[in-house]
Amino acid sequence: MKKILIIFLFTFAVFQLYSCNDSNSNIIGNPDGQFIGEIVLLDSLGANPLNGTIKLTQTNNTDLIGSWILQNGQNGKLTGLINDMKVNINLNPDFVDKNTVLLGNFDGMSIKGQWYHSSIVGLDNKGTFVATGY
């Protein structure tokens, strides 16, 4: 009887873990969990637009990975989180002392919010951004 109970509990636990990691529960909103679009970054005065493209893929309920390219030649891979339609994206996840972070709200077709750039001395630049999906 103990063996049957242990097998039942193990099976139940595995089922629960599998159901919590439902790959179809994408906040991004499409079956493949991707957001591909144009991004515009503005400085703290709302001027000097810097255009580019951004690609996000939701890998589970909260995690994002992807890439970005800006018109000035900068590019890279990104990591991030999405929760309750709020995103937190790090454009330089491999750097400790040079990070650009996007904090915004996702409405299904666009992400709007603030960006912050920090270096070893702290926050050194910030502004707003809008990413619009195609």
N, C-alpha and C. Protein backbone atom coordinates (compact mmCIF):
# COMPACT_ATOMS: atom_id res chain seq x y z
N MET A 1 0.82 -1.20 0.00
CA MET A 1 0.00 0.00 0.00
C MET A 1 0.86 1.26 0.00
N LYS A 2 1.98 1.21 0.77
CA LYS A 2 2.87 2.37 0.81
C LYS A 2 3.45 2.68 -0.56
N LYS A 3 3.81 1.61 -1.32
CA LYS A 3 4.39 1.80 -2.65
C LYS A 3 3.39 2.47 -3.58
N ILE A 4 2.15 2.07 -3.51
CA ILE A 4 1.12 2.65 -4.36
C ILE A 4 0.92 4.12 -4.01
N LEU A 5 0.92 4.45 -2.74
CA LEU A 5 0.78 5.83 -2.29
C LEU A 5 1.96 6.68 -2.78
N ILE A 6 3.17 6.13 -2.66
CA ILE A 6 4.36 6.87 -3.09
C ILE A 6 4.32 7.09 -4.61
N ILE A 7 3.95 6.07 -5.37
CA ILE A 7 3.85 6.21 -6.82
C ILE A 7 2.79 7.25 -7.17
N PHE A 8 1.65 7.21 -6.50
CA PHE A 8 0.60 8.18 -6.74
C PHE A 8 1.08 9.60 -6.46
N LEU A 9 1.73 9.80 -5.30
CA LEU A 9 2.21 11.14 -4.95
C LEU A 9 3.27 11.62 -5.92
N PHE A 10 4.17 10.74 -6.34
CA PHE A 10 5.19 11.11 -7.31
C PHE A 10 4.56 11.51 -8.64
N THR A 11 3.61 10.71 -9.11
CA THR A 11 2.92 11.02 -10.37
C THR A 11 2.18 12.35 -10.27
N PHE A 12 1.52 12.58 -9.16
CA PHE A 12 0.80 13.84 -8.94
C PHE A 12 1.77 15.02 -8.96
N ALA A 13 2.92 14.88 -8.28
CA ALA A 13 3.91 15.97 -8.24
C ALA A 13 4.45 16.28 -9.63
N VAL A 14 4.75 15.24 -10.41
CA VAL A 14 5.25 15.45 -11.78
C VAL A 14 4.19 16.14 -12.63
N PHE A 15 2.94 15.72 -12.51
CA PHE A 15 1.85 16.34 -13.25
C PHE A 15 1.73 17.81 -12.89
N GLN A 16 1.81 18.15 -11.61
CA GLN A 16 1.71 19.53 -11.15
C GLN A 16 2.85 20.38 -11.70
N LEU A 17 4.07 19.84 -11.66
CA LEU A 17 5.21 20.59 -12.19
C LEU A 17 5.06 20.82 -13.69
N TYR A 18 4.62 19.81 -14.42
CA TYR A 18 4.43 19.95 -15.86
C TYR A 18 3.36 20.98 -16.17
N SER A 19 2.27 20.97 -15.43
CA SER A 19 1.19 21.91 -15.72
C SER A 19 1.56 23.34 -15.38
N CYS A 20 2.50 23.56 -14.45
CA CYS A 20 2.95 24.91 -14.11
C CYS A 20 3.83 25.49 -15.20
N ASN A 21 4.45 24.64 -15.99
CA ASN A 21 5.34 25.09 -17.06
C ASN A 21 4.65 24.93 -18.40
N ASP A 22 3.47 25.48 -18.53
CA ASP A 22 2.69 25.36 -19.75
C ASP A 22 3.24 26.30 -20.80
N SER A 23 3.83 25.75 -21.85
CA SER A 23 4.45 26.59 -22.88
C SER A 23 3.42 27.37 -23.68
N ASN A 24 2.14 27.03 -23.58
CA ASN A 24 1.11 27.75 -24.32
C ASN A 24 0.57 28.96 -23.58
N SER A 25 1.03 29.21 -22.37
CA SER A 25 0.52 30.35 -21.62
C SER A 25 1.43 31.56 -21.83
N ASN A 26 1.59 31.95 -23.08
CA ASN A 26 2.44 33.08 -23.44
C ASN A 26 1.69 34.39 -23.23
N ILE A 27 2.29 35.27 -22.48
CA ILE A 27 1.73 36.61 -22.32
C ILE A 27 1.92 37.38 -23.63
N ILE A 28 2.99 37.07 -24.35
CA ILE A 28 3.26 37.73 -25.62
C ILE A 28 2.03 37.66 -26.52
N GLY A 29 1.27 36.55 -26.47
CA GLY A 29 -0.02 36.53 -27.11
C GLY A 29 -0.14 35.78 -28.42
N ASN A 30 0.94 35.30 -29.00
CA ASN A 30 0.81 34.49 -30.19
C ASN A 30 1.35 33.09 -29.89
N PRO A 31 1.01 32.11 -30.70
CA PRO A 31 1.37 30.73 -30.38
C PRO A 31 2.85 30.47 -30.18
N ASP A 32 3.71 31.19 -30.91
CA ASP A 32 5.14 30.94 -30.75
C ASP A 32 5.78 31.84 -29.69
N GLY A 33 5.00 32.68 -29.05
CA GLY A 33 5.52 33.52 -27.97
C GLY A 33 6.54 34.54 -28.42
N GLN A 34 6.40 35.06 -29.63
CA GLN A 34 7.39 36.02 -30.14
C GLN A 34 6.80 37.40 -30.35
N PHE A 35 7.64 38.38 -30.11
CA PHE A 35 7.34 39.78 -30.42
C PHE A 35 8.49 40.27 -31.29
N ILE A 36 8.20 40.69 -32.50
CA ILE A 36 9.22 41.23 -33.40
C ILE A 36 8.73 42.60 -33.85
N GLY A 37 9.59 43.60 -33.70
CA GLY A 37 9.14 44.93 -34.09
C GLY A 37 10.24 45.96 -34.14
N GLU A 38 9.81 47.17 -34.37
CA GLU A 38 10.71 48.32 -34.40
C GLU A 38 10.76 48.94 -33.02
N ILE A 39 11.92 49.46 -32.66
CA ILE A 39 12.07 50.14 -31.38
C ILE A 39 12.64 51.53 -31.62
N VAL A 40 12.13 52.49 -30.89
CA VAL A 40 12.63 53.86 -30.94
C VAL A 40 12.98 54.26 -29.52
N LEU A 41 14.23 54.66 -29.31
CA LEU A 41 14.68 55.14 -28.01
C LEU A 41 14.87 56.65 -28.11
N LEU A 42 14.34 57.37 -27.13
CA LEU A 42 14.48 58.83 -27.06
C LEU A 42 15.28 59.18 -25.82
N ASP A 43 16.00 60.31 -25.87
CA ASP A 43 16.77 60.72 -24.70
C ASP A 43 15.85 61.29 -23.62
N SER A 44 16.42 61.76 -22.54
CA SER A 44 15.63 62.24 -21.40
C SER A 44 14.79 63.48 -21.73
N LEU A 45 15.10 64.18 -22.82
CA LEU A 45 14.32 65.33 -23.25
C LEU A 45 13.27 64.95 -24.29
N GLY A 46 13.20 63.66 -24.65
CA GLY A 46 12.24 63.21 -25.65
C GLY A 46 12.70 63.49 -27.07
N ALA A 47 14.00 63.66 -27.26
CA ALA A 47 14.55 64.00 -28.57
C ALA A 47 15.61 62.96 -28.97
N ASN A 48 16.27 63.23 -30.08
CA ASN A 48 17.36 62.40 -30.59
C ASN A 48 16.97 60.93 -30.71
N PRO A 49 15.99 60.63 -31.55
CA PRO A 49 15.54 59.24 -31.67
C PRO A 49 16.63 58.33 -32.22
N LEU A 50 16.69 57.15 -31.66
CA LEU A 50 17.58 56.10 -32.12
C LEU A 50 16.69 54.92 -32.47
N ASN A 51 16.65 54.55 -33.76
CA ASN A 51 15.77 53.50 -34.25
C ASN A 51 16.48 52.17 -34.34
N GLY A 52 15.69 51.11 -34.30
CA GLY A 52 16.25 49.78 -34.45
C GLY A 52 15.16 48.73 -34.49
N THR A 53 15.58 47.48 -34.35
CA THR A 53 14.64 46.37 -34.30
C THR A 53 14.90 45.56 -33.03
N ILE A 54 13.85 44.89 -32.57
CA ILE A 54 13.94 44.07 -31.38
C ILE A 54 13.14 42.80 -31.60
N LYS A 55 13.68 41.69 -31.11
CA LYS A 55 12.99 40.41 -31.20
C LYS A 55 12.99 39.78 -29.80
N LEU A 56 11.80 39.46 -29.32
CA LEU A 56 11.63 38.82 -28.00
C LEU A 56 10.96 37.47 -28.19
N THR A 57 11.42 36.49 -27.45
CA THR A 57 10.79 35.19 -27.42
C THR A 57 10.53 34.84 -25.96
N GLN A 58 9.29 34.52 -25.65
CA GLN A 58 8.93 34.11 -24.30
C GLN A 58 9.21 32.61 -24.18
N THR A 59 10.13 32.24 -23.28
CA THR A 59 10.56 30.85 -23.16
C THR A 59 9.75 30.06 -22.15
N ASN A 60 9.11 30.73 -21.22
CA ASN A 60 8.21 30.09 -20.25
C ASN A 60 7.25 31.16 -19.77
N ASN A 61 6.64 30.98 -18.62
CA ASN A 61 5.62 31.94 -18.15
C ASN A 61 6.16 33.34 -17.93
N THR A 62 7.45 33.49 -17.62
CA THR A 62 7.97 34.82 -17.29
C THR A 62 9.25 35.21 -18.02
N ASP A 63 10.01 34.28 -18.54
CA ASP A 63 11.33 34.59 -19.09
C ASP A 63 11.29 34.96 -20.57
N LEU A 64 12.15 35.92 -20.92
CA LEU A 64 12.30 36.39 -22.30
C LEU A 64 13.76 36.27 -22.72
N ILE A 65 13.97 35.94 -23.98
CA ILE A 65 15.30 36.01 -24.59
C ILE A 65 15.11 36.69 -25.95
N GLY A 66 16.19 37.12 -26.55
CA GLY A 66 16.04 37.74 -27.86
C GLY A 66 17.29 38.47 -28.31
N SER A 67 17.06 39.39 -29.25
CA SER A 67 18.17 40.16 -29.82
C SER A 67 17.67 41.55 -30.21
N TRP A 68 18.62 42.44 -30.45
CA TRP A 68 18.30 43.82 -30.84
C TRP A 68 19.41 44.35 -31.74
N ILE A 69 19.04 45.29 -32.61
CA ILE A 69 19.98 45.97 -33.50
C ILE A 69 19.53 47.43 -33.58
N LEU A 70 20.47 48.36 -33.40
CA LEU A 70 20.17 49.78 -33.53
C LEU A 70 20.82 50.34 -34.79
N GLN A 71 20.29 51.46 -35.28
CA GLN A 71 20.78 52.06 -36.52
C GLN A 71 22.23 52.51 -36.43
N ASN A 72 22.74 52.73 -35.22
CA ASN A 72 24.12 53.17 -35.07
C ASN A 72 25.11 52.00 -35.06
N GLY A 73 24.60 50.78 -35.30
CA GLY A 73 25.47 49.62 -35.37
C GLY A 73 25.55 48.80 -34.10
N GLN A 74 25.07 49.33 -33.00
CA GLN A 74 25.06 48.55 -31.76
C GLN A 74 24.06 47.42 -31.89
N ASN A 75 24.39 46.27 -31.31
CA ASN A 75 23.49 45.13 -31.35
C ASN A 75 23.88 44.16 -30.24
N GLY A 76 23.02 43.21 -30.00
CA GLY A 76 23.34 42.21 -29.01
C GLY A 76 22.18 41.29 -28.69
N LYS A 77 22.44 40.44 -27.75
CA LYS A 77 21.42 39.53 -27.24
C LYS A 77 20.82 40.17 -26.00
N LEU A 78 19.60 39.75 -25.65
CA LEU A 78 18.94 40.30 -24.48
C LEU A 78 18.31 39.18 -23.66
N THR A 79 18.07 39.49 -22.41
CA THR A 79 17.29 38.63 -21.53
C THR A 79 16.29 39.50 -20.81
N GLY A 80 15.23 38.90 -20.30
CA GLY A 80 14.25 39.71 -19.60
C GLY A 80 13.18 38.88 -18.92
N LEU A 81 12.26 39.61 -18.33
CA LEU A 81 11.13 39.02 -17.63
C LEU A 81 9.86 39.74 -18.07
N ILE A 82 8.75 39.00 -18.09
CA ILE A 82 7.45 39.59 -18.32
C ILE A 82 6.51 39.04 -17.26
N ASN A 83 5.78 39.94 -16.60
CA ASN A 83 4.86 39.54 -15.54
C ASN A 83 3.76 40.59 -15.45
N ASP A 84 2.53 40.16 -15.51
CA ASP A 84 1.38 41.08 -15.46
C ASP A 84 1.51 42.19 -16.50
N MET A 85 1.96 41.81 -17.71
CA MET A 85 2.10 42.73 -18.84
C MET A 85 3.17 43.81 -18.62
N LYS A 86 4.02 43.62 -17.65
CA LYS A 86 5.16 44.52 -17.41
C LYS A 86 6.42 43.78 -17.83
N VAL A 87 7.30 44.48 -18.53
CA VAL A 87 8.55 43.87 -18.98
C VAL A 87 9.75 44.55 -18.34
N ASN A 88 10.78 43.75 -18.13
CA ASN A 88 12.07 44.21 -17.64
C ASN A 88 13.09 43.51 -18.52
N ILE A 89 13.75 44.27 -19.40
CA ILE A 89 14.64 43.70 -20.40
C ILE A 89 16.04 44.27 -20.21
N ASN A 90 17.03 43.39 -20.17
CA ASN A 90 18.44 43.80 -20.08
C ASN A 90 19.07 43.61 -21.45
N LEU A 91 19.49 44.69 -22.08
CA LEU A 91 20.09 44.63 -23.41
C LEU A 91 21.55 44.20 -23.39
N ASN A 92 22.16 44.14 -22.23
CA ASN A 92 23.56 43.74 -22.10
C ASN A 92 23.72 42.72 -20.97
N PRO A 93 23.09 41.56 -21.07
CA PRO A 93 23.13 40.63 -19.94
C PRO A 93 24.50 40.05 -19.63
N ASP A 94 25.44 40.12 -20.56
CA ASP A 94 26.77 39.56 -20.32
C ASP A 94 27.73 40.55 -19.67
N PHE A 95 27.27 41.78 -19.41
CA PHE A 95 28.13 42.79 -18.81
C PHE A 95 27.66 43.10 -17.38
N VAL A 96 28.60 43.27 -16.49
CA VAL A 96 28.28 43.65 -15.12
C VAL A 96 28.30 45.17 -14.97
N ASP A 97 29.17 45.84 -15.71
CA ASP A 97 29.39 47.27 -15.52
C ASP A 97 28.88 48.13 -16.67
N LYS A 98 28.08 47.58 -17.58
CA LYS A 98 27.57 48.35 -18.71
C LYS A 98 26.22 47.75 -19.10
N ASN A 99 25.16 48.28 -18.51
CA ASN A 99 23.84 47.71 -18.74
C ASN A 99 22.85 48.76 -19.23
N THR A 100 22.06 48.38 -20.21
CA THR A 100 20.92 49.17 -20.63
C THR A 100 19.69 48.34 -20.34
N VAL A 101 18.79 48.90 -19.54
CA VAL A 101 17.59 48.19 -19.10
C VAL A 101 16.36 48.91 -19.62
N LEU A 102 15.42 48.14 -20.16
CA LEU A 102 14.13 48.67 -20.60
C LEU A 102 13.08 48.21 -19.59
N LEU A 103 12.34 49.16 -19.05
CA LEU A 103 11.22 48.86 -18.14
C LEU A 103 9.97 49.41 -18.78
N GLY A 104 9.01 48.55 -19.09
CA GLY A 104 7.84 49.04 -19.79
C GLY A 104 6.60 48.20 -19.59
N ASN A 105 5.54 48.63 -20.24
CA ASN A 105 4.25 47.95 -20.21
C ASN A 105 3.94 47.42 -21.60
N PHE A 106 3.49 46.17 -21.65
CA PHE A 106 3.15 45.51 -22.90
C PHE A 106 1.64 45.53 -23.04
N ASP A 107 1.14 45.99 -24.19
CA ASP A 107 -0.31 46.04 -24.37
C ASP A 107 -0.80 45.08 -25.45
N GLY A 108 0.04 44.16 -25.88
CA GLY A 108 -0.35 43.20 -26.90
C GLY A 108 0.30 43.48 -28.24
N MET A 109 0.45 44.74 -28.60
CA MET A 109 1.08 45.11 -29.87
C MET A 109 2.28 46.03 -29.70
N SER A 110 2.46 46.59 -28.52
CA SER A 110 3.60 47.48 -28.32
C SER A 110 4.06 47.42 -26.86
N ILE A 111 5.30 47.88 -26.68
CA ILE A 111 5.88 48.01 -25.34
C ILE A 111 6.32 49.45 -25.22
N LYS A 112 5.89 50.12 -24.15
CA LYS A 112 6.25 51.52 -23.92
C LYS A 112 6.78 51.66 -22.51
N GLY A 113 7.82 52.49 -22.37
CA GLY A 113 8.34 52.68 -21.04
C GLY A 113 9.60 53.52 -21.00
N GLN A 114 10.42 53.24 -20.00
CA GLN A 114 11.65 53.98 -19.74
C GLN A 114 12.85 53.08 -19.99
N TRP A 115 13.96 53.68 -20.44
CA TRP A 115 15.22 52.94 -20.52
C TRP A 115 16.24 53.64 -19.64
N TYR A 116 17.14 52.85 -19.11
CA TYR A 116 18.18 53.35 -18.22
C TYR A 116 19.50 52.71 -18.62
N HIS A 117 20.56 53.52 -18.68
CA HIS A 117 21.90 52.99 -18.93
C HIS A 117 22.75 53.28 -17.71
N SER A 118 23.38 52.23 -17.20
CA SER A 118 24.27 52.40 -16.05
C SER A 118 25.63 51.83 -16.39
N SER A 119 26.62 52.41 -15.76
CA SER A 119 27.99 51.94 -15.93
C SER A 119 28.56 51.69 -14.53
N ILE A 120 29.85 51.51 -14.47
CA ILE A 120 30.49 51.23 -13.19
C ILE A 120 30.32 52.39 -12.20
N VAL A 121 30.10 53.61 -12.71
CA VAL A 121 29.92 54.76 -11.83
C VAL A 121 28.45 55.00 -11.46
N GLY A 122 27.53 54.22 -12.03
CA GLY A 122 26.11 54.38 -11.73
C GLY A 122 25.31 54.79 -12.96
N LEU A 123 24.11 55.30 -12.73
CA LEU A 123 23.22 55.72 -13.81
C LEU A 123 23.86 56.88 -14.57
N ASP A 124 24.03 56.72 -15.89
CA ASP A 124 24.64 57.80 -16.66
C ASP A 124 23.80 58.27 -17.84
N ASN A 125 22.66 57.63 -18.10
CA ASN A 125 21.79 58.09 -19.17
C ASN A 125 20.43 57.42 -19.02
N LYS A 126 19.39 58.10 -19.51
CA LYS A 126 18.05 57.52 -19.44
C LYS A 126 17.15 58.21 -20.46
N GLY A 127 15.99 57.63 -20.68
CA GLY A 127 15.03 58.20 -21.61
C GLY A 127 13.80 57.32 -21.70
N THR A 128 13.09 57.45 -22.80
CA THR A 128 11.88 56.65 -23.02
C THR A 128 12.07 55.79 -24.27
N PHE A 129 11.20 54.79 -24.43
CA PHE A 129 11.25 53.96 -25.62
C PHE A 129 9.85 53.48 -25.97
N VAL A 130 9.70 53.13 -27.23
CA VAL A 130 8.48 52.50 -27.74
C VAL A 130 8.91 51.41 -28.71
N ALA A 131 8.43 50.20 -28.49
CA ALA A 131 8.66 49.10 -29.42
C ALA A 131 7.30 48.70 -29.99
N THR A 132 7.18 48.74 -31.31
CA THR A 132 5.90 48.44 -31.97
C THR A 132 6.08 47.19 -32.83
N GLY A 133 5.24 46.19 -32.57
CA GLY A 133 5.34 44.94 -33.31
C GLY A 133 4.82 45.03 -34.71
N TYR A 134 5.36 44.19 -35.60
CA TYR A 134 4.81 44.15 -36.95
C TYR A 134 3.88 42.99 -37.08
